[in-house]
Structure formats: structure tokens, C-alpha cells
Amino acid sequence: MGRGNEPPRLPEGSFAAWSRDRLALARRGAEECGDVWQLEPGVYVAAAAGPCEAVLRRAQDFPKESSPLFPPLRRSGGAPTPEEREERAYAHAARMRGLRAQAVAARIGEVASRTARFADQWPTGRDVEILPRVRHALAEIGVSYLFSEDAPALLPHAAQLFLAREVLVQPSRWVWPRWVPTPARRFRTRQQIAFTDALRPVVRRRRSSGRLGDDVLGLMLRPSPRHGLLPEEAILDTLPGITVATFETPSRAAGWILLHLARYPEAASLVAAEAAALPADPAATTSTHLGGLPYTQALVSEVLRLYPPSWLLARRAPRETQLADYTIDAGSTVLVCPYTAQRDAREHPEPDRFRPERWLSDAGSPTKPGAFLSFGTGPHGCEGTALAMAMLTLLTAQTARRHRLSEPPGPEPSYHVTTLEGLATAGLRLRATSRG
């Protein structure tokens, strides 16, 4: 126990040790210090399901920092005005109408067609670095889901936004104030302007023609009885971030899923058998077909449990508050760790074992509080969860239906783990052979 009302601290815990091996230190802190522990003064880690759930749901006590990767290009010179905050809230609500599970279900055929094409185009009989191919396939799905027939013109700009994101999150020796125009930030702004410039005529053409479209952009263009029409700039400001999000996080998850198909051939065969019932024409796939893939969905959930792509989420406490009977000082940072929370034996028996079957019973339902945090929860939970799960489930099913996967032979690992901005299988190489 820590002294007084302060969370315990790992004796060797420090940012230097954390930087050397984040996952190992996270596991050690949870095992040796408990549900909440202290990495350094003013930096706490919520390591178990209960505290993680509490932090993510108590948004007033632990708000998410308002530092979007793609901040609005139009600036008011300070904090957002009440009008700007209202516009952003309305833009978010309009966007969410197109990302709810019901809206995703209506467009499952589009997702299935593109995941089938990814599987069909996988070169067989040789080792392939697969994540760039996965990312491109999922970007096609995500951008098409947002912009329909206008997606081909916007896809290259989405790829550049992703590159800007990757450049921006690279570790740096110096932490510059947000107002400093570093080269990475200037590159980000150039790509954001290019994307906005490509999207602006699409918005104007749709509005002038009255053919708004049934995609996410179309829903944002529709007037609201309360708010009327969203201003053009409010629409343009809100879309770069969600465009990248539709494929960036799912791509990390897909790497782990494909690796598990290679390492667990019996599980892959069960997925393949289930996927055999999918329509021969992927475009004919419906939400009913998706519901007929329970084992595939369980496998996806199990991989996400073990390797949550967003394995660490940062929140800040603006004032002194309580968490799991500990006092959290004002100004402190709380790191929410789904990676350790989802490997807690109190929540998941045999927590380190890959066992998709655990999700097929009511006891293993992902809806159990704190049991599944791979997409976050609470006010800032991932708004694209339904789309991501559909993409990952169908990508898994279509791939296993066509191929057996294996890792390259030899002593060298087929990937290396990266943890800086998410949990990923960087450089992953796999070989596909046809199931015939």
C-alpha cells in the first residue's frame, strides 16, 4: 500500500524505464502496485477495469485534453466561442448519425466487397509486408463510407493526412509549445489544407444540386430543425480527424488479427468454416450474414482484448479528486491502461491465453462494464466502433475463407511491437496459401 492516501509507486518506475519497455512496466506496475499506481509524481496509471471505467466515464473529473491532431483551420484567437462549441457539438451529432450501428448495418455489402477484394489481391506463396496493404484497403472502406462516389478523389489526400499524423507523433527530443510551427506541424497543416481544398467543392456541389447523398457527409449537410444548416467551415473542420480515424486504428488491430490467424490455424479454420456461408457475391452481404459469424466476432474481440490498438489513454485531473480510494492531485495526468485492465484475472480467467470462446457466453459479453475497453467508453468512446467491428470481422472472415496464413520461417521475428501512439505489429510479414 502507498503511504497515506497516495497510490503506490513502483520503485524503479520512471519515464526512462517506461520509455524502454512500456508494456513490461505497465504489467509490473499492475502486478506489484495494484489497480492504481504512480509512475512519477503527478502521473498515475489506472491499471484495472474498475478505475479505467471510472476515469473514462467521469469526464468532468478527468477530461480529455482538447488537443485534436487536426485542429480547426479557422481560429478565433483563443478558446472556442459558445457559437463555435455549439457548431462542433452539432457537427459531432450529425456525423454520429452515419456511424451508428444501424447506419453501418445498412451498408455492410460495401464493406464486404472491399474486404473480399483485399483477400483476393493478397499475393500467395511469398512473404508480404501486409500492413501497408491492410491500411490501403481499410482506407478505401473508411473514405468511401464517409464520402461515397467522391471517395476516389479524396483517398490520396486521406493517405497524406495519415502520413502527416505519423510524422507528427514521432518522438522528439524537445516538447515544443503548441503554437510553435515545427516542420511536422507545418506539414500537417499543408496536408489538412489540401484535404479541405479538395473537399470544399464537393460540399458546394452537393448543396447547390440538392443531391446531398446518403453517406456521412450527406447527413452532415442536412439541416437540423434546431440548428439549421451547418456552416461550411464547421463541416470541413470536423472531417480530417474522423477520416484518418476510420482506418488508422483498425489497421493496427487488423495486424494483430492476421497474426493470430497465422499462429492459431485451428481457430482460423473455424473462421473459414463460418465464412463459407457468406454470399458468393460479397455485395449481397447483409447484417444478417454478419450476425452469422459469431466465432469470427469472438476471435476479433479476443485479439482486441489482448492487444488493444489504443492501449493507453491520457486524461488530466483539473482539480483534486478521488479514484479507487486514492487522492489524485489537481493537475495530475492519469494514464488509462486497457492493456492491463483486459488482462486482469478477476475479469478474464486465464487472462494471457488466446481463447475466443470466452466471448461466446453471456459471462464473457463485451458489454460487461470494464471487461472490454479497446474502443474506450464514456463520452469520448470511439464513435466509429460499429464500423470498425464490421470492417475487422469481414476482413477476418474473407481472408480466412480464402487463405491459410503463416509467418516467415527462420529465427527472425516477423514484426516488432511499437507502443508509442498505439499497439502495432510494425513491419509484419505473412505468407498466404490458398485454401483451394
Protein backbone atom coordinates (compact mmCIF):
# COMPACT_ATOMS: atom_id res chain seq x y z
CA MET A 1 0.00 0.00 0.00
CA GLY A 2 1.14 3.53 -0.61
CA ARG A 3 1.73 5.94 2.22
CA GLY A 4 -1.32 7.83 3.36
CA ASN A 5 -3.88 8.24 0.63
CA GLU A 6 -1.40 8.24 -2.23
CA PRO A 7 -1.27 5.49 -4.86
CA PRO A 8 1.76 3.20 -4.51
CA ARG A 9 4.76 3.81 -6.67
CA LEU A 10 6.88 1.24 -8.50
CA PRO A 11 10.41 1.59 -7.05
CA GLU A 12 12.08 1.50 -10.47
CA GLY A 13 9.27 3.42 -12.13
CA SER A 14 10.33 6.45 -14.14
CA PHE A 15 9.82 7.84 -17.60
CA ALA A 16 13.24 6.47 -18.59
CA ALA A 17 12.22 2.94 -17.60
CA TRP A 18 8.79 3.49 -19.14
CA SER A 19 10.33 4.50 -22.46
CA ARG A 20 12.50 1.38 -22.58
CA ASP A 21 9.59 -1.08 -22.33
CA ARG A 22 6.15 0.39 -21.76
CA LEU A 23 4.23 -2.88 -21.84
CA ALA A 24 6.52 -4.66 -19.38
CA LEU A 25 6.47 -1.77 -16.92
CA ALA A 26 2.68 -1.47 -17.21
CA ARG A 27 2.32 -5.17 -16.36
CA ARG A 28 4.76 -4.88 -13.48
CA GLY A 29 3.04 -1.85 -12.03
CA ALA A 30 -0.33 -3.59 -12.08
CA GLU A 31 1.06 -6.79 -10.54
CA GLU A 32 3.16 -5.16 -7.82
CA CYS A 33 1.20 -1.99 -7.01
CA GLY A 34 -2.42 -2.85 -7.75
CA ASP A 35 -5.34 -1.20 -9.51
CA VAL A 36 -3.95 2.35 -9.43
CA TRP A 37 -0.26 3.15 -9.19
CA GLN A 38 2.10 6.06 -9.58
CA LEU A 39 4.66 6.20 -12.37
CA GLU A 40 6.16 9.50 -11.26
CA PRO A 41 4.86 12.30 -9.04
CA GLY A 42 1.72 13.61 -10.70
CA VAL A 43 1.47 10.72 -13.18
CA TYR A 44 -0.89 7.89 -12.22
CA VAL A 45 -1.82 4.70 -14.05
CA ALA A 46 -5.33 3.22 -13.87
CA ALA A 47 -4.47 -0.45 -14.38
CA ALA A 48 -7.68 -2.37 -13.65
CA ALA A 49 -11.16 -2.44 -15.16
CA GLY A 50 -12.94 -0.52 -12.39
CA PRO A 51 -10.63 2.51 -12.23
CA CYS A 52 -10.28 2.59 -16.04
CA GLU A 53 -14.04 2.62 -16.46
CA ALA A 54 -14.40 5.31 -13.77
CA VAL A 55 -11.86 7.64 -15.36
CA LEU A 56 -13.33 7.31 -18.85
CA ARG A 57 -16.89 7.85 -17.67
CA ARG A 58 -16.16 10.70 -15.23
CA ALA A 59 -15.38 13.21 -17.97
CA GLN A 60 -15.84 16.20 -15.67
CA ASP A 61 -13.26 14.90 -13.18
CA PHE A 62 -10.91 13.51 -15.85
CA PRO A 63 -11.48 15.48 -19.06
CA LYS A 64 -9.82 14.60 -22.32
CA GLU A 65 -7.37 17.29 -23.33
CA SER A 66 -8.70 19.41 -26.17
CA SER A 67 -5.70 18.97 -28.46
CA PRO A 68 -7.01 17.42 -31.67
CA LEU A 69 -4.45 16.08 -34.08
CA PHE A 70 -6.08 18.16 -36.82
CA PRO A 71 -7.22 21.36 -35.09
CA PRO A 72 -9.71 23.63 -36.86
CA LEU A 73 -8.05 25.72 -39.56
CA ARG A 74 -10.20 28.72 -38.73
CA ARG A 75 -9.15 30.07 -35.37
CA SER A 76 -10.87 32.60 -33.15
CA GLY A 77 -7.61 33.55 -31.46
CA GLY A 78 -8.28 31.75 -28.19
CA ALA A 79 -10.78 29.43 -26.58
CA PRO A 80 -13.77 28.44 -28.76
CA THR A 81 -16.70 30.82 -28.58
CA PRO A 82 -20.08 29.47 -27.41
CA GLU A 83 -21.22 29.54 -31.05
CA GLU A 84 -18.19 27.50 -32.16
CA ARG A 85 -18.72 24.99 -29.36
CA GLU A 86 -22.37 24.60 -30.36
CA GLU A 87 -21.40 24.15 -34.01
CA ARG A 88 -18.87 21.47 -33.11
CA ALA A 89 -21.37 19.64 -30.93
CA TYR A 90 -23.92 19.70 -33.76
CA ALA A 91 -21.29 18.55 -36.28
CA HIS A 92 -20.43 15.65 -33.99
CA ALA A 93 -24.08 14.68 -33.58
CA ALA A 94 -24.68 14.86 -37.35
CA ARG A 95 -21.59 12.75 -38.01
CA MET A 96 -22.68 10.18 -35.44
CA ARG A 97 -25.97 9.61 -37.26
CA GLY A 98 -23.99 7.99 -40.03
CA LEU A 99 -21.75 5.96 -37.72
CA ARG A 100 -24.35 4.29 -35.53
CA ALA A 101 -24.72 0.52 -35.73
CA GLN A 102 -27.98 0.77 -37.70
CA ALA A 103 -26.40 3.02 -40.33
CA VAL A 104 -23.37 0.71 -40.64
CA ALA A 105 -25.66 -2.33 -40.98
CA ALA A 106 -27.36 -0.74 -43.98
CA ARG A 107 -24.03 -0.57 -45.84
CA ILE A 108 -22.48 -3.92 -44.92
CA GLY A 109 -22.38 -5.00 -48.57
CA GLU A 110 -19.93 -2.21 -49.40
CA VAL A 111 -17.63 -3.23 -46.56
CA ALA A 112 -17.81 -6.91 -47.51
CA SER A 113 -16.97 -6.18 -51.16
CA ARG A 114 -13.83 -4.28 -50.34
CA THR A 115 -12.60 -6.75 -47.70
CA ALA A 116 -13.15 -9.58 -50.21
CA ARG A 117 -11.10 -7.67 -52.77
CA PHE A 118 -8.30 -7.26 -50.23
CA ALA A 119 -8.24 -11.04 -49.68
CA ASP A 120 -8.41 -11.79 -53.42
CA GLN A 121 -5.48 -9.48 -54.15
CA TRP A 122 -3.16 -10.89 -51.45
CA PRO A 123 -0.15 -12.32 -53.34
CA THR A 124 0.11 -16.02 -52.45
CA GLY A 125 3.18 -18.17 -51.97
CA ARG A 126 5.53 -15.43 -50.80
CA ASP A 127 6.19 -13.37 -47.70
CA VAL A 128 4.44 -10.00 -47.84
CA GLU A 129 4.65 -6.94 -45.61
CA ILE A 130 0.96 -6.77 -45.04
CA LEU A 131 0.17 -3.64 -43.01
CA PRO A 132 0.50 -1.17 -45.92
CA ARG A 133 -1.94 -3.33 -47.92
CA VAL A 134 -4.33 -3.56 -44.96
CA ARG A 135 -4.16 0.17 -44.38
CA HIS A 136 -4.93 0.93 -48.03
CA ALA A 137 -7.87 -1.47 -48.07
CA LEU A 138 -9.34 -0.08 -44.86
CA ALA A 139 -8.75 3.49 -46.04
CA GLU A 140 -10.77 2.71 -49.17
CA ILE A 141 -13.58 1.41 -46.96
CA GLY A 142 -13.46 4.30 -44.49
CA VAL A 143 -13.20 7.10 -47.06
CA SER A 144 -15.92 5.50 -49.21
CA TYR A 145 -18.16 5.17 -46.15
CA LEU A 146 -17.77 8.88 -45.43
CA PHE A 147 -17.90 10.26 -48.98
CA SER A 148 -19.34 7.57 -51.34
CA GLU A 149 -18.78 8.42 -55.01
CA ASP A 150 -16.47 11.31 -54.10
CA ALA A 151 -14.10 8.97 -52.25
CA PRO A 152 -11.64 8.28 -55.14
CA ALA A 153 -10.74 11.98 -55.38
CA LEU A 154 -10.29 12.26 -51.60
CA LEU A 155 -8.44 9.00 -50.95
CA PRO A 156 -4.96 10.33 -51.90
CA HIS A 157 -5.47 13.28 -49.57
CA ALA A 158 -6.56 10.90 -46.77
CA ALA A 159 -3.30 8.98 -47.27
CA GLN A 160 -1.35 12.23 -46.89
CA LEU A 161 -3.29 13.08 -43.73
CA PHE A 162 -2.25 9.69 -42.33
CA LEU A 163 1.38 10.41 -43.23
CA ALA A 164 1.13 13.80 -41.51
CA ARG A 165 -0.19 12.05 -38.43
CA GLU A 166 2.70 9.59 -38.43
CA VAL A 167 5.25 12.40 -38.76
CA LEU A 168 3.60 14.44 -36.04
CA VAL A 169 3.56 11.67 -33.41
CA GLN A 170 7.19 10.63 -33.85
CA PRO A 171 9.20 11.01 -30.61
CA SER A 172 11.14 14.21 -30.34
CA ARG A 173 13.94 15.31 -28.05
CA TRP A 174 12.08 18.54 -27.36
CA VAL A 175 8.44 19.12 -26.46
CA TRP A 176 7.56 22.34 -28.23
CA PRO A 177 4.63 24.57 -27.20
CA ARG A 178 1.61 24.03 -29.41
CA TRP A 179 1.95 27.43 -31.03
CA VAL A 180 5.48 26.73 -32.35
CA PRO A 181 5.29 25.96 -36.12
CA THR A 182 7.63 22.95 -36.16
CA PRO A 183 8.31 21.27 -39.53
CA ALA A 184 5.96 18.41 -38.61
CA ARG A 185 3.17 20.83 -37.72
CA ARG A 186 3.67 22.82 -40.92
CA PHE A 187 3.49 19.58 -42.92
CA ARG A 188 0.31 18.63 -41.05
CA THR A 189 -1.27 22.00 -41.84
CA ARG A 190 -0.35 21.76 -45.54
CA GLN A 191 -1.97 18.33 -45.85
CA GLN A 192 -5.03 19.46 -43.90
CA ILE A 193 -5.43 22.46 -46.20
CA ALA A 194 -5.04 20.23 -49.28
CA PHE A 195 -7.73 17.84 -47.98
CA THR A 196 -10.05 20.75 -47.16
CA ASP A 197 -9.47 22.33 -50.56
CA ALA A 198 -10.42 19.03 -52.24
CA LEU A 199 -13.50 18.59 -50.04
CA ARG A 200 -14.85 22.14 -50.30
CA PRO A 201 -16.08 21.86 -53.94
CA VAL A 202 -17.74 18.54 -53.07
CA VAL A 203 -19.72 20.22 -50.29
CA ARG A 204 -20.70 23.13 -52.55
CA ARG A 205 -21.68 20.90 -55.47
CA ARG A 206 -23.86 18.70 -53.29
CA ARG A 207 -25.58 21.68 -51.69
CA SER A 208 -26.17 23.53 -54.94
CA SER A 209 -27.54 20.44 -56.71
CA GLY A 210 -29.69 19.32 -53.77
CA ARG A 211 -28.25 15.80 -54.10
CA LEU A 212 -26.78 15.64 -50.61
CA GLY A 213 -26.06 11.89 -50.57
CA ASP A 214 -26.78 9.18 -48.03
CA ASP A 215 -23.23 8.91 -46.70
CA VAL A 216 -21.83 10.56 -43.58
CA LEU A 217 -21.08 13.80 -45.42
CA GLY A 218 -24.66 13.85 -46.74
CA LEU A 219 -26.05 13.53 -43.24
CA MET A 220 -23.89 16.46 -42.12
CA LEU A 221 -25.25 18.57 -44.99
CA ARG A 222 -28.87 18.06 -43.97
CA PRO A 223 -30.45 20.91 -41.97
CA SER A 224 -31.49 20.41 -38.38
CA PRO A 225 -34.83 21.76 -37.08
CA ARG A 226 -32.95 23.29 -34.18
CA HIS A 227 -29.64 24.38 -35.73
CA GLY A 228 -30.46 24.78 -39.41
CA LEU A 229 -27.60 24.23 -41.83
CA LEU A 230 -24.13 23.58 -40.52
CA PRO A 231 -21.73 26.26 -41.78
CA GLU A 232 -19.37 25.02 -44.45
CA GLU A 233 -16.28 25.60 -42.30
CA ALA A 234 -17.75 23.61 -39.40
CA ILE A 235 -18.15 20.63 -41.73
CA LEU A 236 -14.69 20.98 -43.23
CA ASP A 237 -13.01 21.35 -39.83
CA THR A 238 -14.51 18.20 -38.37
CA LEU A 239 -13.73 15.72 -41.17
CA PRO A 240 -9.91 15.36 -41.41
CA GLY A 241 -9.64 13.68 -37.99
CA ILE A 242 -12.52 11.24 -38.48
CA THR A 243 -11.29 10.43 -42.00
CA VAL A 244 -7.95 9.19 -40.67
CA ALA A 245 -9.61 7.51 -37.67
CA THR A 246 -11.77 5.30 -39.90
CA PHE A 247 -8.70 3.33 -40.97
CA GLU A 248 -5.74 4.18 -38.73
CA THR A 249 -6.79 2.37 -35.55
CA PRO A 250 -8.50 -0.55 -37.36
CA SER A 251 -5.28 -1.11 -39.34
CA ARG A 252 -3.32 -1.63 -36.13
CA ALA A 253 -5.97 -4.06 -34.90
CA ALA A 254 -6.00 -5.93 -38.23
CA GLY A 255 -2.27 -6.60 -37.95
CA TRP A 256 -2.75 -8.43 -34.66
CA ILE A 257 -5.78 -10.32 -36.00
CA LEU A 258 -3.98 -11.58 -39.11
CA LEU A 259 -1.00 -12.60 -36.98
CA HIS A 260 -3.33 -14.68 -34.79
CA LEU A 261 -4.87 -16.34 -37.86
CA ALA A 262 -1.33 -17.41 -38.73
CA ARG A 263 -0.43 -18.60 -35.23
CA TYR A 264 -3.69 -20.38 -34.46
CA PRO A 265 -4.60 -22.41 -37.58
CA GLU A 266 -7.40 -24.30 -35.80
CA ALA A 267 -9.11 -21.01 -34.92
CA ALA A 268 -8.55 -19.81 -38.49
CA SER A 269 -10.23 -22.97 -39.80
CA LEU A 270 -13.27 -22.30 -37.61
CA VAL A 271 -13.47 -18.79 -39.05
CA ALA A 272 -13.14 -20.18 -42.58
CA ALA A 273 -15.94 -22.68 -41.98
CA GLU A 274 -18.19 -19.91 -40.68
CA ALA A 275 -17.29 -17.61 -43.59
CA ALA A 276 -18.26 -20.29 -46.12
CA ALA A 277 -21.89 -19.30 -45.53
CA LEU A 278 -21.28 -15.74 -46.76
CA PRO A 279 -22.77 -14.89 -50.17
CA ALA A 280 -20.67 -15.69 -53.24
CA ASP A 281 -21.25 -12.08 -54.27
CA PRO A 282 -19.84 -10.05 -51.35
CA ALA A 283 -22.03 -7.08 -52.28
CA ALA A 284 -25.06 -9.18 -51.30
CA THR A 285 -23.80 -9.45 -47.69
CA THR A 286 -26.26 -8.11 -45.13
CA SER A 287 -26.26 -7.52 -41.40
CA THR A 288 -27.92 -10.94 -41.05
CA HIS A 289 -24.88 -12.57 -42.65
CA LEU A 290 -22.64 -10.57 -40.31
CA GLY A 291 -24.67 -11.85 -37.38
CA GLY A 292 -23.99 -15.37 -38.63
CA LEU A 293 -20.28 -15.00 -37.82
CA PRO A 294 -20.31 -15.36 -34.01
CA TYR A 295 -16.97 -17.16 -33.74
CA THR A 296 -15.29 -14.66 -36.07
CA GLN A 297 -16.61 -11.79 -33.98
CA ALA A 298 -15.40 -13.59 -30.83
CA LEU A 299 -11.93 -14.00 -32.33
CA VAL A 300 -11.79 -10.31 -33.20
CA SER A 301 -12.92 -9.38 -29.67
CA GLU A 302 -10.34 -11.69 -28.13
CA VAL A 303 -7.47 -10.23 -30.14
CA LEU A 304 -8.65 -6.72 -29.25
CA ARG A 305 -8.77 -7.75 -25.59
CA LEU A 306 -5.18 -8.99 -25.65
CA TYR A 307 -3.79 -6.26 -27.89
CA PRO A 308 -5.99 -3.15 -27.74
CA PRO A 309 -4.75 -0.85 -30.52
CA SER A 310 -5.29 2.18 -28.25
CA TRP A 311 -3.68 0.55 -25.25
CA LEU A 312 -3.10 3.74 -23.25
CA LEU A 313 -5.37 6.78 -22.96
CA ALA A 314 -4.33 10.01 -21.25
CA ARG A 315 -6.62 12.14 -19.10
CA ARG A 316 -5.89 15.11 -16.83
CA ALA A 317 -7.41 15.94 -13.45
CA PRO A 318 -8.07 19.72 -13.32
CA ARG A 319 -8.84 19.56 -9.61
CA GLU A 320 -8.20 17.21 -6.71
CA THR A 321 -10.44 14.15 -6.86
CA GLN A 322 -10.72 10.55 -5.71
CA LEU A 323 -10.05 7.38 -7.66
CA ALA A 324 -10.25 3.89 -6.14
CA ASP A 325 -9.93 5.32 -2.60
CA TYR A 326 -6.83 7.32 -3.56
CA THR A 327 -6.45 11.08 -3.82
CA ILE A 328 -5.49 12.33 -7.27
CA ASP A 329 -3.84 15.74 -7.08
CA ALA A 330 -5.03 18.66 -9.19
CA GLY A 331 -3.08 18.95 -12.43
CA SER A 332 -2.12 15.28 -12.45
CA THR A 333 -2.13 13.04 -15.50
CA VAL A 334 -3.98 9.72 -15.34
CA LEU A 335 -2.99 7.06 -17.86
CA VAL A 336 -5.86 4.64 -18.50
CA CYS A 337 -4.43 1.25 -19.47
CA PRO A 338 -6.86 -1.11 -21.25
CA TYR A 339 -3.90 -3.43 -21.90
CA THR A 340 -3.56 -4.36 -18.23
CA ALA A 341 -7.26 -3.97 -17.40
CA GLN A 342 -8.16 -6.57 -20.04
CA ARG A 343 -5.50 -8.98 -18.75
CA ASP A 344 -6.87 -8.95 -15.20
CA ALA A 345 -7.69 -12.48 -13.96
CA ARG A 346 -10.58 -11.06 -11.93
CA GLU A 347 -12.26 -10.08 -15.20
CA HIS A 348 -10.96 -12.75 -17.57
CA PRO A 349 -9.95 -16.28 -16.40
CA GLU A 350 -6.59 -17.33 -17.89
CA PRO A 351 -6.11 -13.73 -18.99
CA ASP A 352 -2.98 -14.24 -21.10
CA ARG A 353 -4.41 -17.16 -23.05
CA PHE A 354 -5.89 -16.63 -26.52
CA ARG A 355 -9.35 -18.13 -26.16
CA PRO A 356 -12.03 -16.66 -28.44
CA GLU A 357 -14.64 -18.96 -26.93
CA ARG A 358 -14.76 -16.78 -23.82
CA TRP A 359 -16.83 -14.24 -25.79
CA LEU A 360 -19.47 -16.77 -26.84
CA SER A 361 -21.07 -16.95 -23.41
CA ASP A 362 -23.08 -14.31 -21.58
CA ALA A 363 -20.38 -14.17 -18.90
CA GLY A 364 -17.89 -13.01 -21.49
CA SER A 365 -20.06 -10.35 -23.07
CA PRO A 366 -18.12 -7.26 -24.17
CA THR A 367 -20.98 -5.19 -22.72
CA LYS A 368 -19.98 -6.13 -19.15
CA PRO A 369 -18.69 -2.92 -17.51
CA GLY A 370 -14.92 -2.65 -17.72
CA ALA A 371 -14.49 -6.03 -19.44
CA PHE A 372 -13.81 -4.57 -22.87
CA LEU A 373 -12.21 -1.15 -23.25
CA SER A 374 -10.45 -1.49 -26.60
CA PHE A 375 -12.63 1.26 -28.07
CA GLY A 376 -12.78 3.25 -24.85
CA THR A 377 -16.09 4.06 -23.18
CA GLY A 378 -17.98 7.04 -21.82
CA PRO A 379 -18.39 10.44 -23.52
CA HIS A 380 -15.16 10.07 -25.51
CA GLY A 381 -15.53 6.45 -26.56
CA CYS A 382 -14.68 5.67 -30.17
CA GLU A 383 -17.51 6.94 -32.36
CA GLY A 384 -16.58 4.53 -35.16
CA THR A 385 -16.84 1.32 -33.10
CA ALA A 386 -19.65 -0.22 -35.19
CA LEU A 387 -17.85 0.50 -38.46
CA ALA A 388 -14.51 -0.76 -37.11
CA MET A 389 -16.02 -4.03 -35.86
CA ALA A 390 -17.76 -4.60 -39.20
CA MET A 391 -14.54 -3.93 -41.10
CA LEU A 392 -12.43 -6.17 -38.88
CA THR A 393 -14.95 -9.03 -38.74
CA LEU A 394 -15.41 -9.14 -42.52
CA LEU A 395 -11.69 -8.70 -43.22
CA THR A 396 -11.01 -11.66 -40.91
CA ALA A 397 -13.75 -13.82 -42.45
CA GLN A 398 -12.91 -13.06 -46.08
CA THR A 399 -9.19 -13.64 -45.52
CA ALA A 400 -9.61 -16.94 -43.63
CA ARG A 401 -12.16 -18.11 -46.19
CA ARG A 402 -9.57 -17.82 -48.98
CA HIS A 403 -6.17 -18.32 -47.36
CA ARG A 404 -4.11 -20.11 -44.77
CA LEU A 405 -1.64 -17.68 -43.24
CA SER A 406 1.81 -18.39 -41.84
CA GLU A 407 4.77 -16.44 -40.53
CA PRO A 408 8.05 -16.49 -42.47
CA PRO A 409 10.35 -19.37 -41.48
CA GLY A 410 13.56 -18.65 -39.62
CA PRO A 411 14.70 -17.19 -36.32
CA GLU A 412 13.96 -13.56 -37.11
CA PRO A 413 10.59 -12.25 -35.82
CA SER A 414 8.05 -11.36 -38.48
CA TYR A 415 7.36 -7.96 -36.86
CA HIS A 416 8.33 -5.69 -34.00
CA VAL A 417 5.96 -4.21 -31.44
CA THR A 418 5.51 -0.46 -31.32
CA THR A 419 3.75 1.22 -28.39
CA LEU A 420 4.29 4.97 -28.77
CA GLU A 421 0.93 6.01 -30.25
CA GLY A 422 -0.76 2.63 -30.27
CA LEU A 423 -0.05 -1.07 -30.07
CA ALA A 424 1.03 -2.25 -33.52
CA THR A 425 2.87 -5.03 -35.36
CA ALA A 426 5.25 -2.82 -37.33
CA GLY A 427 6.80 -4.47 -40.38
CA LEU A 428 4.56 -7.55 -40.09
CA ARG A 429 5.29 -10.11 -42.82
CA LEU A 430 2.97 -13.02 -43.53
CA ARG A 431 2.57 -15.67 -46.23
CA ALA A 432 -0.79 -16.70 -47.70
CA THR A 433 -1.53 -20.04 -49.36
CA SER A 434 -4.87 -20.73 -50.99
CA ARG A 435 -7.36 -22.94 -49.18
CA GLY A 436 -8.29 -24.25 -52.61
